[in-house]
Amino acid sequence: LTELPPEVLRGGKLLPSKSLLEGNPGRLDGVSYHFYGDRSQRCGG
């Protein structure tokens, strides 16, 4: 779900995980992520 509408982002922005990891490489004990296949109609899927 990489294309989020402005109303979901609430005027903010996406900070790519690539950039967050690239800024501090080799500092974690494990890589974690979250996953949802879609947004429910509560969020205007």
All heavy atoms as atom14 arrays in JSON, in Angstrom:
{
  "sequence": "LTELPPEVLRGGKLLPSKSLLEGNPGRLDGVSYHFYGDRSQRCGG",
  "atom14_mask": [
    [1, 1, 1, 1, 1, 1, 1, 1, 0, 0, 0, 0, 0, 0],
    [1, 1, 1, 1, 1, 1, 1, 0, 0, 0, 0, 0, 0, 0],
    [1, 1, 1, 1, 1, 1, 1, 1, 1, 0, 0, 0, 0, 0],
    [1, 1, 1, 1, 1, 1, 1, 1, 0, 0, 0, 0, 0, 0],
    [1, 1, 1, 1, 1, 1, 1, 0, 0, 0, 0, 0, 0, 0],
    [1, 1, 1, 1, 1, 1, 1, 0, 0, 0, 0, 0, 0, 0],
    [1, 1, 1, 1, 1, 1, 1, 1, 1, 0, 0, 0, 0, 0],
    [1, 1, 1, 1, 1, 1, 1, 0, 0, 0, 0, 0, 0, 0],
    [1, 1, 1, 1, 1, 1, 1, 1, 0, 0, 0, 0, 0, 0],
    [1, 1, 1, 1, 1, 1, 1, 1, 1, 1, 1, 0, 0, 0],
    [1, 1, 1, 1, 0, 0, 0, 0, 0, 0, 0, 0, 0, 0],
    [1, 1, 1, 1, 0, 0, 0, 0, 0, 0, 0, 0, 0, 0],
    [1, 1, 1, 1, 1, 1, 1, 1, 1, 0, 0, 0, 0, 0],
    [1, 1, 1, 1, 1, 1, 1, 1, 0, 0, 0, 0, 0, 0],
    [1, 1, 1, 1, 1, 1, 1, 1, 0, 0, 0, 0, 0, 0],
    [1, 1, 1, 1, 1, 1, 1, 0, 0, 0, 0, 0, 0, 0],
    [1, 1, 1, 1, 1, 1, 0, 0, 0, 0, 0, 0, 0, 0],
    [1, 1, 1, 1, 1, 1, 1, 1, 1, 0, 0, 0, 0, 0],
    [1, 1, 1, 1, 1, 1, 0, 0, 0, 0, 0, 0, 0, 0],
    [1, 1, 1, 1, 1, 1, 1, 1, 0, 0, 0, 0, 0, 0],
    [1, 1, 1, 1, 1, 1, 1, 1, 0, 0, 0, 0, 0, 0],
    [1, 1, 1, 1, 1, 1, 1, 1, 1, 0, 0, 0, 0, 0],
    [1, 1, 1, 1, 0, 0, 0, 0, 0, 0, 0, 0, 0, 0],
    [1, 1, 1, 1, 1, 1, 1, 1, 0, 0, 0, 0, 0, 0],
    [1, 1, 1, 1, 1, 1, 1, 0, 0, 0, 0, 0, 0, 0],
    [1, 1, 1, 1, 0, 0, 0, 0, 0, 0, 0, 0, 0, 0],
    [1, 1, 1, 1, 1, 1, 1, 1, 1, 1, 1, 0, 0, 0],
    [1, 1, 1, 1, 1, 1, 1, 1, 0, 0, 0, 0, 0, 0],
    [1, 1, 1, 1, 1, 1, 1, 1, 0, 0, 0, 0, 0, 0],
    [1, 1, 1, 1, 0, 0, 0, 0, 0, 0, 0, 0, 0, 0],
    [1, 1, 1, 1, 1, 1, 1, 0, 0, 0, 0, 0, 0, 0],
    [1, 1, 1, 1, 1, 1, 0, 0, 0, 0, 0, 0, 0, 0],
    [1, 1, 1, 1, 1, 1, 1, 1, 1, 1, 1, 1, 0, 0],
    [1, 1, 1, 1, 1, 1, 1, 1, 1, 1, 0, 0, 0, 0],
    [1, 1, 1, 1, 1, 1, 1, 1, 1, 1, 1, 0, 0, 0],
    [1, 1, 1, 1, 1, 1, 1, 1, 1, 1, 1, 1, 0, 0],
    [1, 1, 1, 1, 0, 0, 0, 0, 0, 0, 0, 0, 0, 0],
    [1, 1, 1, 1, 1, 1, 1, 1, 0, 0, 0, 0, 0, 0],
    [1, 1, 1, 1, 1, 1, 1, 1, 1, 1, 1, 0, 0, 0],
    [1, 1, 1, 1, 1, 1, 0, 0, 0, 0, 0, 0, 0, 0],
    [1, 1, 1, 1, 1, 1, 1, 1, 1, 0, 0, 0, 0, 0],
    [1, 1, 1, 1, 1, 1, 1, 1, 1, 1, 1, 0, 0, 0],
    [1, 1, 1, 1, 1, 1, 0, 0, 0, 0, 0, 0, 0, 0],
    [1, 1, 1, 1, 0, 0, 0, 0, 0, 0, 0, 0, 0, 0],
    [1, 1, 1, 1, 0, 0, 0, 0, 0, 0, 0, 0, 0, 0]
  ],
  "atom14_positions": [
    [[0.84, -1.2, 0.0], [0.0, 0.0, 0.0], [0.87, 1.25, 0.0], [0.89, 2.03, 0.95], [-0.92, 0.0, 1.23], [-1.81, -1.23, 1.38], [-2.66, -1.11, 2.63], [-2.69, -1.41, 0.17], [0.0, 0.0, 0.0], [0.0, 0.0, 0.0], [0.0, 0.0, 0.0], [0.0, 0.0, 0.0], [0.0, 0.0, 0.0], [0.0, 0.0, 0.0]],
    [[1.59, 1.46, -1.08], [2.56, 2.56, -1.1], [1.94, 3.89, -1.49], [2.53, 4.93, -1.26], [3.7, 2.24, -2.07], [3.15, 1.93, -3.36], [4.51, 1.06, -1.59], [0.0, 0.0, 0.0], [0.0, 0.0, 0.0], [0.0, 0.0, 0.0], [0.0, 0.0, 0.0], [0.0, 0.0, 0.0], [0.0, 0.0, 0.0], [0.0, 0.0, 0.0]],
    [[0.78, 3.88, -2.11], [0.14, 5.13, -2.52], [-0.97, 5.46, -1.53], [-2.09, 5.01, -1.63], [-0.43, 4.99, -3.94], [0.62, 4.71, -5.0], [1.61, 5.86, -5.14], [1.21, 7.02, -4.94], [2.79, 5.59, -5.43], [0.0, 0.0, 0.0], [0.0, 0.0, 0.0], [0.0, 0.0, 0.0], [0.0, 0.0, 0.0], [0.0, 0.0, 0.0]],
    [[-0.63, 6.3, -0.56], [-1.61, 6.68, 0.45], [-2.2, 8.05, 0.13], [-1.47, 8.99, -0.22], [-0.96, 6.73, 1.83], [-0.49, 5.38, 2.38], [0.19, 5.57, 3.73], [-1.65, 4.42, 2.52], [0.0, 0.0, 0.0], [0.0, 0.0, 0.0], [0.0, 0.0, 0.0], [0.0, 0.0, 0.0], [0.0, 0.0, 0.0], [0.0, 0.0, 0.0]],
    [[-3.53, 8.19, 0.23], [-4.15, 9.48, -0.09], [-3.83, 10.53, 0.96], [-3.51, 10.19, 2.11], [-5.64, 9.14, -0.11], [-5.78, 7.95, 0.78], [-4.5, 7.17, 0.59], [0.0, 0.0, 0.0], [0.0, 0.0, 0.0], [0.0, 0.0, 0.0], [0.0, 0.0, 0.0], [0.0, 0.0, 0.0], [0.0, 0.0, 0.0], [0.0, 0.0, 0.0]],
    [[-3.91, 11.81, 0.61], [-3.57, 12.88, 1.56], [-4.36, 12.82, 2.86], [-3.84, 13.13, 3.92], [-3.9, 14.16, 0.76], [-3.79, 13.75, -0.67], [-4.25, 12.32, -0.71], [0.0, 0.0, 0.0], [0.0, 0.0, 0.0], [0.0, 0.0, 0.0], [0.0, 0.0, 0.0], [0.0, 0.0, 0.0], [0.0, 0.0, 0.0], [0.0, 0.0, 0.0]],
    [[-5.64, 12.38, 2.78], [-6.43, 12.35, 4.01], [-5.92, 11.31, 4.99], [-6.12, 11.44, 6.21], [-7.92, 12.1, 3.7], [-8.23, 10.76, 3.03], [-8.18, 10.84, 1.51], [-7.54, 11.78, 0.99], [-8.78, 9.97, 0.86], [0.0, 0.0, 0.0], [0.0, 0.0, 0.0], [0.0, 0.0, 0.0], [0.0, 0.0, 0.0], [0.0, 0.0, 0.0]],
    [[-5.26, 10.26, 4.5], [-4.68, 9.26, 5.39], [-3.37, 9.77, 5.98], [-3.08, 9.6, 7.16], [-4.46, 7.93, 4.65], [-3.7, 6.95, 5.52], [-5.81, 7.34, 4.24], [0.0, 0.0, 0.0], [0.0, 0.0, 0.0], [0.0, 0.0, 0.0], [0.0, 0.0, 0.0], [0.0, 0.0, 0.0], [0.0, 0.0, 0.0], [0.0, 0.0, 0.0]],
    [[-2.56, 10.42, 5.16], [-1.29, 10.95, 5.64], [-1.48, 12.17, 6.54], [-0.55, 12.57, 7.24], [-0.41, 11.34, 4.45], [0.24, 10.18, 3.71], [0.96, 10.67, 2.47], [1.2, 9.41, 4.59], [0.0, 0.0, 0.0], [0.0, 0.0, 0.0], [0.0, 0.0, 0.0], [0.0, 0.0, 0.0], [0.0, 0.0, 0.0], [0.0, 0.0, 0.0]],
    [[-2.67, 12.75, 6.54], [-2.97, 13.9, 7.39], [-1.96, 15.03, 7.19], [-1.5, 15.66, 8.14], [-3.01, 13.49, 8.87], [-4.07, 12.47, 9.2], [-3.96, 12.02, 10.63], [-4.86, 10.91, 10.9], [-4.8, 10.13, 11.98], [-3.85, 10.34, 12.87], [-5.65, 9.16, 12.16], [0.0, 0.0, 0.0], [0.0, 0.0, 0.0], [0.0, 0.0, 0.0]],
    [[-1.62, 15.25, 5.96], [-0.72, 16.34, 5.65], [0.74, 16.02, 5.87], [1.6, 16.87, 5.65], [0.0, 0.0, 0.0], [0.0, 0.0, 0.0], [0.0, 0.0, 0.0], [0.0, 0.0, 0.0], [0.0, 0.0, 0.0], [0.0, 0.0, 0.0], [0.0, 0.0, 0.0], [0.0, 0.0, 0.0], [0.0, 0.0, 0.0], [0.0, 0.0, 0.0]],
    [[1.06, 14.81, 6.31], [2.44, 14.43, 6.56], [3.09, 13.82, 5.34], [2.66, 14.03, 4.21], [0.0, 0.0, 0.0], [0.0, 0.0, 0.0], [0.0, 0.0, 0.0], [0.0, 0.0, 0.0], [0.0, 0.0, 0.0], [0.0, 0.0, 0.0], [0.0, 0.0, 0.0], [0.0, 0.0, 0.0], [0.0, 0.0, 0.0], [0.0, 0.0, 0.0]],
    [[4.12, 13.01, 5.57], [4.86, 12.42, 4.46], [5.36, 11.04, 4.86], [5.42, 10.7, 6.04], [6.04, 13.31, 4.09], [6.98, 13.65, 5.26], [8.04, 14.63, 4.81], [8.92, 15.06, 5.99], [8.2, 15.86, 6.97], [0.0, 0.0, 0.0], [0.0, 0.0, 0.0], [0.0, 0.0, 0.0], [0.0, 0.0, 0.0], [0.0, 0.0, 0.0]],
    [[5.69, 10.27, 3.85], [6.29, 8.95, 4.06], [7.79, 9.11, 4.21], [8.44, 9.74, 3.38], [5.97, 8.04, 2.88], [6.62, 6.66, 2.89], [5.96, 5.78, 3.93], [6.52, 6.01, 1.51], [0.0, 0.0, 0.0], [0.0, 0.0, 0.0], [0.0, 0.0, 0.0], [0.0, 0.0, 0.0], [0.0, 0.0, 0.0], [0.0, 0.0, 0.0]],
    [[8.34, 8.54, 5.29], [9.79, 8.48, 5.46], [10.2, 7.05, 5.09], [9.98, 6.12, 5.86], [10.19, 8.78, 6.91], [9.67, 10.08, 7.52], [10.24, 10.26, 8.93], [10.0, 11.28, 6.65], [0.0, 0.0, 0.0], [0.0, 0.0, 0.0], [0.0, 0.0, 0.0], [0.0, 0.0, 0.0], [0.0, 0.0, 0.0], [0.0, 0.0, 0.0]],
    [[10.77, 6.84, 3.91], [11.02, 5.47, 3.45], [11.86, 4.68, 4.45], [12.86, 5.18, 4.98], [11.78, 5.68, 2.14], [11.39, 7.05, 1.69], [11.22, 7.84, 2.94], [0.0, 0.0, 0.0], [0.0, 0.0, 0.0], [0.0, 0.0, 0.0], [0.0, 0.0, 0.0], [0.0, 0.0, 0.0], [0.0, 0.0, 0.0], [0.0, 0.0, 0.0]],
    [[11.45, 3.45, 4.7], [12.24, 2.59, 5.6], [13.66, 2.43, 5.1], [14.59, 2.28, 5.9], [11.56, 1.23, 5.73], [10.3, 1.34, 6.36], [0.0, 0.0, 0.0], [0.0, 0.0, 0.0], [0.0, 0.0, 0.0], [0.0, 0.0, 0.0], [0.0, 0.0, 0.0], [0.0, 0.0, 0.0], [0.0, 0.0, 0.0], [0.0, 0.0, 0.0]],
    [[13.85, 2.46, 3.79], [15.2, 2.39, 3.23], [16.07, 3.51, 3.81], [17.21, 3.26, 4.24], [15.15, 2.5, 1.71], [16.53, 2.58, 1.04], [16.38, 2.79, -0.46], [17.75, 2.83, -1.14], [18.57, 3.97, -0.65], [0.0, 0.0, 0.0], [0.0, 0.0, 0.0], [0.0, 0.0, 0.0], [0.0, 0.0, 0.0], [0.0, 0.0, 0.0]],
    [[15.55, 4.71, 3.85], [16.33, 5.83, 4.36], [16.56, 5.73, 5.85], [17.64, 6.08, 6.36], [15.61, 7.14, 4.03], [15.46, 7.3, 2.63], [0.0, 0.0, 0.0], [0.0, 0.0, 0.0], [0.0, 0.0, 0.0], [0.0, 0.0, 0.0], [0.0, 0.0, 0.0], [0.0, 0.0, 0.0], [0.0, 0.0, 0.0], [0.0, 0.0, 0.0]],
    [[15.56, 5.24, 6.59], [15.71, 5.11, 8.04], [16.77, 4.07, 8.39], [17.56, 4.26, 9.31], [14.37, 4.73, 8.67], [13.19, 5.7, 8.43], [11.96, 5.22, 9.19], [13.55, 7.12, 8.83], [0.0, 0.0, 0.0], [0.0, 0.0, 0.0], [0.0, 0.0, 0.0], [0.0, 0.0, 0.0], [0.0, 0.0, 0.0], [0.0, 0.0, 0.0]],
    [[16.79, 2.96, 7.66], [17.79, 1.93, 7.9], [19.17, 2.34, 7.39], [20.19, 2.05, 8.01], [17.36, 0.62, 7.23], [16.17, -0.1, 7.87], [15.63, -1.16, 6.93], [16.55, -0.7, 9.2], [0.0, 0.0, 0.0], [0.0, 0.0, 0.0], [0.0, 0.0, 0.0], [0.0, 0.0, 0.0], [0.0, 0.0, 0.0], [0.0, 0.0, 0.0]],
    [[19.19, 3.03, 6.28], [20.45, 3.46, 5.69], [21.19, 4.44, 6.61], [22.42, 4.46, 6.65], [20.15, 4.13, 4.35], [21.37, 4.48, 3.53], [20.97, 5.06, 2.19], [20.0, 5.86, 2.15], [21.63, 4.73, 1.18], [0.0, 0.0, 0.0], [0.0, 0.0, 0.0], [0.0, 0.0, 0.0], [0.0, 0.0, 0.0], [0.0, 0.0, 0.0]],
    [[20.42, 5.21, 7.39], [21.05, 6.18, 8.28], [21.72, 5.58, 9.49], [22.59, 6.22, 10.1], [0.0, 0.0, 0.0], [0.0, 0.0, 0.0], [0.0, 0.0, 0.0], [0.0, 0.0, 0.0], [0.0, 0.0, 0.0], [0.0, 0.0, 0.0], [0.0, 0.0, 0.0], [0.0, 0.0, 0.0], [0.0, 0.0, 0.0], [0.0, 0.0, 0.0]],
    [[21.33, 4.36, 9.85], [21.91, 3.68, 11.02], [22.15, 2.21, 10.72], [21.57, 1.33, 11.36], [20.98, 3.81, 12.24], [20.94, 5.2, 12.81], [21.98, 5.77, 13.12], [19.74, 5.76, 12.97], [0.0, 0.0, 0.0], [0.0, 0.0, 0.0], [0.0, 0.0, 0.0], [0.0, 0.0, 0.0], [0.0, 0.0, 0.0], [0.0, 0.0, 0.0]],
    [[22.97, 1.88, 9.75], [23.13, 0.47, 9.37], [23.84, -0.33, 10.46], [24.67, 0.18, 11.2], [23.99, 0.56, 8.11], [24.77, 1.83, 8.28], [23.83, 2.79, 8.97], [0.0, 0.0, 0.0], [0.0, 0.0, 0.0], [0.0, 0.0, 0.0], [0.0, 0.0, 0.0], [0.0, 0.0, 0.0], [0.0, 0.0, 0.0], [0.0, 0.0, 0.0]],
    [[23.45, -1.61, 10.56], [24.14, -2.53, 11.45], [23.89, -2.31, 12.93], [24.63, -2.84, 13.76], [0.0, 0.0, 0.0], [0.0, 0.0, 0.0], [0.0, 0.0, 0.0], [0.0, 0.0, 0.0], [0.0, 0.0, 0.0], [0.0, 0.0, 0.0], [0.0, 0.0, 0.0], [0.0, 0.0, 0.0], [0.0, 0.0, 0.0], [0.0, 0.0, 0.0]],
    [[22.84, -1.59, 13.29], [22.61, -1.27, 14.7], [21.46, -2.07, 15.33], [21.19, -1.92, 16.52], [22.32, 0.22, 14.85], [23.51, 1.12, 14.52], [23.13, 2.59, 14.57], [24.27, 3.46, 14.28], [25.05, 4.01, 15.2], [24.82, 3.77, 16.48], [26.05, 4.78, 14.85], [0.0, 0.0, 0.0], [0.0, 0.0, 0.0], [0.0, 0.0, 0.0]],
    [[20.79, -2.9, 14.55], [19.62, -3.63, 15.05], [19.95, -5.09, 15.32], [20.88, -5.65, 14.77], [18.49, -3.56, 14.02], [17.92, -2.17, 13.73], [17.0, -2.22, 12.51], [17.15, -1.64, 14.95], [0.0, 0.0, 0.0], [0.0, 0.0, 0.0], [0.0, 0.0, 0.0], [0.0, 0.0, 0.0], [0.0, 0.0, 0.0], [0.0, 0.0, 0.0]],
    [[19.11, -5.72, 16.16], [19.2, -7.16, 16.39], [18.27, -7.92, 15.46], [18.38, -9.14, 15.32], [18.84, -7.49, 17.84], [19.8, -6.83, 18.82], [21.02, -6.88, 18.58], [19.32, -6.26, 19.82], [0.0, 0.0, 0.0], [0.0, 0.0, 0.0], [0.0, 0.0, 0.0], [0.0, 0.0, 0.0], [0.0, 0.0, 0.0], [0.0, 0.0, 0.0]],
    [[17.35, -7.22, 14.84], [16.43, -7.83, 13.9], [15.66, -6.75, 13.17], [15.48, -5.64, 13.68], [0.0, 0.0, 0.0], [0.0, 0.0, 0.0], [0.0, 0.0, 0.0], [0.0, 0.0, 0.0], [0.0, 0.0, 0.0], [0.0, 0.0, 0.0], [0.0, 0.0, 0.0], [0.0, 0.0, 0.0], [0.0, 0.0, 0.0], [0.0, 0.0, 0.0]],
    [[15.22, -7.05, 11.95], [14.44, -6.11, 11.15], [12.97, -6.45, 11.3], [12.56, -7.61, 11.16], [14.87, -6.15, 9.68], [13.92, -5.35, 8.8], [16.3, -5.62, 9.53], [0.0, 0.0, 0.0], [0.0, 0.0, 0.0], [0.0, 0.0, 0.0], [0.0, 0.0, 0.0], [0.0, 0.0, 0.0], [0.0, 0.0, 0.0], [0.0, 0.0, 0.0]],
    [[12.16, -5.45, 11.61], [10.73, -5.66, 11.79], [9.94, -4.82, 10.8], [10.4, -3.77, 10.33], [10.32, -5.29, 13.22], [10.54, -3.91, 13.49], [0.0, 0.0, 0.0], [0.0, 0.0, 0.0], [0.0, 0.0, 0.0], [0.0, 0.0, 0.0], [0.0, 0.0, 0.0], [0.0, 0.0, 0.0], [0.0, 0.0, 0.0], [0.0, 0.0, 0.0]],
    [[8.75, -5.32, 10.47], [7.86, -4.57, 9.59], [6.42, -4.92, 9.94], [6.14, -5.92, 10.62], [8.16, -4.89, 8.12], [7.73, -6.27, 7.67], [6.54, -6.48, 6.97], [8.52, -7.39, 7.94], [6.16, -7.74, 6.55], [8.15, -8.66, 7.52], [6.97, -8.83, 6.83], [6.57, -10.09, 6.43], [0.0, 0.0, 0.0], [0.0, 0.0, 0.0]],
    [[5.51, -4.07, 9.48], [4.08, -4.3, 9.66], [3.46, -4.54, 8.29], [3.95, -4.05, 7.28], [3.41, -3.09, 10.32], [3.95, -2.78, 11.68], [3.54, -1.68, 12.42], [4.87, -3.42, 12.46], [4.19, -1.66, 13.58], [5.0, -2.7, 13.62], [0.0, 0.0, 0.0], [0.0, 0.0, 0.0], [0.0, 0.0, 0.0], [0.0, 0.0, 0.0]],
    [[2.36, -5.3, 8.27], [1.73, -5.59, 6.99], [0.22, -5.67, 7.11], [-0.32, -6.37, 7.98], [2.24, -6.92, 6.41], [1.39, -7.4, 5.25], [1.49, -6.77, 4.02], [0.49, -8.43, 5.39], [0.69, -7.16, 2.95], [-0.3, -8.84, 4.34], [-0.2, -8.21, 3.11], [0.0, 0.0, 0.0], [0.0, 0.0, 0.0], [0.0, 0.0, 0.0]],
    [[-0.46, -4.94, 6.24], [-1.9, -5.07, 6.03], [-2.13, -5.14, 4.52], [-1.57, -4.34, 3.77], [-2.65, -3.87, 6.6], [-2.57, -3.77, 8.11], [-1.59, -3.01, 8.72], [-3.47, -4.46, 8.91], [-1.51, -2.93, 10.1], [-3.4, -4.38, 10.29], [-2.41, -3.62, 10.88], [-2.32, -3.55, 12.25], [0.0, 0.0, 0.0], [0.0, 0.0, 0.0]],
    [[-2.95, -6.09, 4.1], [-3.18, -6.26, 2.67], [-4.0, -5.16, 2.05], [-4.0, -4.98, 0.83], [0.0, 0.0, 0.0], [0.0, 0.0, 0.0], [0.0, 0.0, 0.0], [0.0, 0.0, 0.0], [0.0, 0.0, 0.0], [0.0, 0.0, 0.0], [0.0, 0.0, 0.0], [0.0, 0.0, 0.0], [0.0, 0.0, 0.0], [0.0, 0.0, 0.0]],
    [[-4.72, -4.4, 2.89], [-5.58, -3.33, 2.39], [-5.94, -2.43, 3.55], [-5.6, -2.73, 4.71], [-6.85, -3.92, 1.75], [-7.48, -2.99, 0.72], [-7.17, -1.78, 0.73], [-8.28, -3.48, -0.09], [0.0, 0.0, 0.0], [0.0, 0.0, 0.0], [0.0, 0.0, 0.0], [0.0, 0.0, 0.0], [0.0, 0.0, 0.0], [0.0, 0.0, 0.0]],
    [[-6.63, -1.35, 3.26], [-7.23, -0.51, 4.3], [-8.72, -0.8, 4.33], [-9.36, -0.9, 3.29], [-6.98, 0.98, 4.0], [-5.51, 1.35, 3.97], [-5.31, 2.85, 3.82], [-5.91, 3.39, 2.6], [-5.33, 3.34, 1.4], [-4.16, 2.74, 1.27], [-5.91, 3.86, 0.35], [0.0, 0.0, 0.0], [0.0, 0.0, 0.0], [0.0, 0.0, 0.0]],
    [[-9.27, -0.93, 5.52], [-10.71, -1.16, 5.62], [-11.46, 0.13, 5.27], [-10.86, 1.2, 5.16], [-11.08, -1.6, 7.04], [-10.96, -0.51, 7.94], [0.0, 0.0, 0.0], [0.0, 0.0, 0.0], [0.0, 0.0, 0.0], [0.0, 0.0, 0.0], [0.0, 0.0, 0.0], [0.0, 0.0, 0.0], [0.0, 0.0, 0.0], [0.0, 0.0, 0.0]],
    [[-12.78, 0.01, 5.11], [-13.55, 1.18, 4.71], [-13.54, 2.28, 5.76], [-13.85, 3.43, 5.46], [-14.99, 0.8, 4.35], [-15.75, 0.07, 5.43], [-15.74, -1.43, 5.19], [-14.68, -2.02, 4.97], [-16.91, -2.05, 5.24], [0.0, 0.0, 0.0], [0.0, 0.0, 0.0], [0.0, 0.0, 0.0], [0.0, 0.0, 0.0], [0.0, 0.0, 0.0]],
    [[-13.15, 1.96, 6.99], [-13.01, 3.03, 7.98], [-11.99, 4.07, 7.52], [-12.12, 5.25, 7.82], [-12.53, 2.45, 9.32], [-13.52, 1.61, 10.08], [-12.96, 1.3, 11.46], [-13.79, 0.39, 12.21], [-13.65, -0.92, 12.21], [-12.71, -1.48, 11.49], [-14.44, -1.68, 12.94], [0.0, 0.0, 0.0], [0.0, 0.0, 0.0], [0.0, 0.0, 0.0]],
    [[-10.96, 3.61, 6.83], [-9.92, 4.51, 6.33], [-10.07, 4.8, 4.85], [-9.14, 5.3, 4.22], [-8.53, 3.91, 6.6], [-8.0, 4.01, 8.3], [0.0, 0.0, 0.0], [0.0, 0.0, 0.0], [0.0, 0.0, 0.0], [0.0, 0.0, 0.0], [0.0, 0.0, 0.0], [0.0, 0.0, 0.0], [0.0, 0.0, 0.0], [0.0, 0.0, 0.0]],
    [[-11.2, 4.45, 4.28], [-11.38, 4.73, 2.86], [-10.55, 3.84, 1.99], [-9.85, 4.32, 1.09], [0.0, 0.0, 0.0], [0.0, 0.0, 0.0], [0.0, 0.0, 0.0], [0.0, 0.0, 0.0], [0.0, 0.0, 0.0], [0.0, 0.0, 0.0], [0.0, 0.0, 0.0], [0.0, 0.0, 0.0], [0.0, 0.0, 0.0], [0.0, 0.0, 0.0]],
    [[-10.6, 2.53, 2.21], [-9.81, 1.59, 1.44], [-10.12, 1.68, -0.05], [-11.25, 1.99, -0.44], [0.0, 0.0, 0.0], [0.0, 0.0, 0.0], [0.0, 0.0, 0.0], [0.0, 0.0, 0.0], [0.0, 0.0, 0.0], [0.0, 0.0, 0.0], [0.0, 0.0, 0.0], [0.0, 0.0, 0.0], [0.0, 0.0, 0.0], [0.0, 0.0, 0.0]]
  ]
}
